[in-house]
Amino acid sequence: MSGGVVLRRCVSCRERRDRSLLWRIIRQYGDGVVLEGAETRAMGRSAYVCPSSSCIEDARRRKRLQRSLRCQVSDSIYTALEERLSEPLHAASEAR
């Protein structure tokens, strides 16, 4: 199975999806929590969330990112995720 689809699980809905369809949140050593984007190709412990308001809100309310990343996740991360929802579709896909 070379070149296959890499599946990851959303921390909120627990659905397994192609990694390219999910947003990656990374806990970097020493730098805190960051969102993966065009300028950020970081390494570290990762969590994935669907690009939907319901999954983002559930992750915030139930502290799913904190549990998955094993650290505090600031409100600015959730705000940035919500702002990504309002970006044009092509801009969000270029960030991958």
C-alpha atoms as a PDB file:
ATOM      1  CA  MET A   1       0.000   0.000   0.000  1.00  0.00           C
ATOM      2  CA  SER A   2       2.516   2.616  -1.086  1.00  0.00           C
ATOM      3  CA  GLY A   3       1.340   6.164  -1.652  1.00  0.00           C
ATOM      4  CA  GLY A   4      -1.929   5.494   0.144  1.00  0.00           C
ATOM      5  CA  VAL A   5      -4.109   7.873   2.055  1.00  0.00           C
ATOM      6  CA  VAL A   6      -2.882   8.775   5.539  1.00  0.00           C
ATOM      7  CA  LEU A   7      -5.786   8.728   7.987  1.00  0.00           C
ATOM      8  CA  ARG A   8      -6.025  10.771  11.167  1.00  0.00           C
ATOM      9  CA  ARG A   9      -8.822  11.055  13.737  1.00  0.00           C
ATOM     10  CA  CYS A  10     -10.599  14.297  14.638  1.00  0.00           C
ATOM     11  CA  VAL A  11     -10.355  14.918  18.399  1.00  0.00           C
ATOM     12  CA  SER A  12     -14.000  16.038  18.484  1.00  0.00           C
ATOM     13  CA  CYS A  13     -16.156  13.824  16.285  1.00  0.00           C
ATOM     14  CA  ARG A  14     -13.615  10.944  16.333  1.00  0.00           C
ATOM     15  CA  GLU A  15     -14.139  10.381  12.607  1.00  0.00           C
ATOM     16  CA  ARG A  16     -11.126   9.084  10.671  1.00  0.00           C
ATOM     17  CA  ARG A  17     -10.356  11.159   7.599  1.00  0.00           C
ATOM     18  CA  ASP A  18      -7.611  11.822   5.111  1.00  0.00           C
ATOM     19  CA  ARG A  19      -4.997  13.936   6.894  1.00  0.00           C
ATOM     20  CA  SER A  20      -5.245  16.639   4.208  1.00  0.00           C
ATOM     21  CA  LEU A  21      -8.922  17.226   5.118  1.00  0.00           C
ATOM     22  CA  LEU A  22      -8.170  17.971   8.776  1.00  0.00           C
ATOM     23  CA  TRP A  23      -6.446  20.887  10.515  1.00  0.00           C
ATOM     24  CA  ARG A  24      -3.335  20.022  12.501  1.00  0.00           C
ATOM     25  CA  ILE A  25      -2.579  21.616  15.872  1.00  0.00           C
ATOM     26  CA  ILE A  26       0.965  21.067  17.148  1.00  0.00           C
ATOM     27  CA  ARG A  27       2.543  21.266  20.579  1.00  0.00           C
ATOM     28  CA  GLN A  28       6.110  22.327  19.879  1.00  0.00           C
ATOM     29  CA  TYR A  29       8.843  21.904  22.413  1.00  0.00           C
ATOM     30  CA  GLY A  30       9.456  25.325  23.950  1.00  0.00           C
ATOM     31  CA  ASP A  31       7.198  27.226  21.515  1.00  0.00           C
ATOM     32  CA  GLY A  32       3.788  26.243  22.838  1.00  0.00           C
ATOM     33  CA  VAL A  33       0.842  25.334  20.640  1.00  0.00           C
ATOM     34  CA  VAL A  34       0.725  26.388  16.966  1.00  0.00           C
ATOM     35  CA  LEU A  35      -1.475  25.743  13.944  1.00  0.00           C
ATOM     36  CA  GLU A  36       0.063  24.064  10.955  1.00  0.00           C
ATOM     37  CA  GLY A  37      -0.041  26.306   7.912  1.00  0.00           C
ATOM     38  CA  ALA A  38       1.932  27.324   4.845  1.00  0.00           C
ATOM     39  CA  GLU A  39       4.576  29.000   7.023  1.00  0.00           C
ATOM     40  CA  THR A  40       4.499  26.399   9.806  1.00  0.00           C
ATOM     41  CA  ARG A  41       5.671  22.869   9.104  1.00  0.00           C
ATOM     42  CA  ALA A  42       6.476  22.047  12.704  1.00  0.00           C
ATOM     43  CA  MET A  43       7.276  18.817  14.439  1.00  0.00           C
ATOM     44  CA  GLY A  44       5.904  17.804  17.793  1.00  0.00           C
ATOM     45  CA  ARG A  45       2.886  16.174  19.377  1.00  0.00           C
ATOM     46  CA  SER A  46      -0.131  16.729  17.114  1.00  0.00           C
ATOM     47  CA  ALA A  47      -3.889  16.720  17.252  1.00  0.00           C
ATOM     48  CA  TYR A  48      -6.306  17.022  14.355  1.00  0.00           C
ATOM     49  CA  VAL A  49      -9.706  18.675  14.109  1.00  0.00           C
ATOM     50  CA  CYS A  50     -12.288  18.824  11.312  1.00  0.00           C
ATOM     51  CA  PRO A  51     -12.701  22.246   9.685  1.00  0.00           C
ATOM     52  CA  SER A  52     -16.220  22.659  11.069  1.00  0.00           C
ATOM     53  CA  SER A  53     -17.603  25.000  13.690  1.00  0.00           C
ATOM     54  CA  SER A  54     -19.264  22.129  15.563  1.00  0.00           C
ATOM     55  CA  CYS A  55     -15.987  20.190  15.945  1.00  0.00           C
ATOM     56  CA  ILE A  56     -14.047  23.302  16.950  1.00  0.00           C
ATOM     57  CA  GLU A  57     -16.660  24.302  19.520  1.00  0.00           C
ATOM     58  CA  ASP A  58     -16.832  20.757  20.903  1.00  0.00           C
ATOM     59  CA  ALA A  59     -13.039  20.642  21.187  1.00  0.00           C
ATOM     60  CA  ARG A  60     -13.105  23.923  23.124  1.00  0.00           C
ATOM     61  CA  ARG A  61     -16.024  23.006  25.384  1.00  0.00           C
ATOM     62  CA  ARG A  62     -14.802  19.504  26.243  1.00  0.00           C
ATOM     63  CA  LYS A  63     -11.073  20.430  26.332  1.00  0.00           C
ATOM     64  CA  ARG A  64     -10.262  17.769  23.763  1.00  0.00           C
ATOM     65  CA  LEU A  65      -7.178  19.527  22.376  1.00  0.00           C
ATOM     66  CA  GLN A  66      -5.752  19.937  25.874  1.00  0.00           C
ATOM     67  CA  ARG A  67      -6.152  16.235  26.550  1.00  0.00           C
ATOM     68  CA  SER A  68      -4.721  15.177  23.216  1.00  0.00           C
ATOM     69  CA  LEU A  69      -1.749  17.566  23.302  1.00  0.00           C
ATOM     70  CA  ARG A  70      -1.237  17.154  27.068  1.00  0.00           C
ATOM     71  CA  CYS A  71      -0.888  20.901  27.640  1.00  0.00           C
ATOM     72  CA  GLN A  72      -2.955  24.065  27.962  1.00  0.00           C
ATOM     73  CA  VAL A  73      -4.422  25.427  24.721  1.00  0.00           C
ATOM     74  CA  SER A  74      -5.110  29.158  24.727  1.00  0.00           C
ATOM     75  CA  ASP A  75      -8.294  30.742  23.451  1.00  0.00           C
ATOM     76  CA  SER A  76      -6.239  32.354  20.670  1.00  0.00           C
ATOM     77  CA  ILE A  77      -5.808  28.919  19.051  1.00  0.00           C
ATOM     78  CA  TYR A  78      -9.580  28.393  18.969  1.00  0.00           C
ATOM     79  CA  THR A  79     -10.069  31.935  17.662  1.00  0.00           C
ATOM     80  CA  ALA A  80      -7.550  31.273  14.886  1.00  0.00           C
ATOM     81  CA  LEU A  81      -9.353  28.034  13.981  1.00  0.00           C
ATOM     82  CA  GLU A  82     -12.685  29.866  13.798  1.00  0.00           C
ATOM     83  CA  GLU A  83     -11.103  32.570  11.617  1.00  0.00           C
ATOM     84  CA  ARG A  84      -9.870  29.877   9.236  1.00  0.00           C
ATOM     85  CA  LEU A  85     -13.475  28.805   8.743  1.00  0.00           C
ATOM     86  CA  SER A  86     -14.288  32.185   7.220  1.00  0.00           C
ATOM     87  CA  GLU A  87     -11.290  32.137   4.842  1.00  0.00           C
ATOM     88  CA  PRO A  88     -11.972  31.381   1.186  1.00  0.00           C
ATOM     89  CA  LEU A  89     -11.749  27.675   0.448  1.00  0.00           C
ATOM     90  CA  HIS A  90      -8.695  27.982  -1.830  1.00  0.00           C
ATOM     91  CA  ALA A  91      -6.692  29.879   0.796  1.00  0.00           C
ATOM     92  CA  ALA A  92      -7.354  27.208   3.412  1.00  0.00           C
ATOM     93  CA  SER A  93      -6.257  24.427   1.063  1.00  0.00           C
ATOM     94  CA  GLU A  94      -3.049  26.283   0.186  1.00  0.00           C
ATOM     95  CA  ALA A  95      -2.152  26.283   3.867  1.00  0.00           C
ATOM     96  CA  ARG A  96      -1.715  22.519   3.745  1.00  0.00           C
END
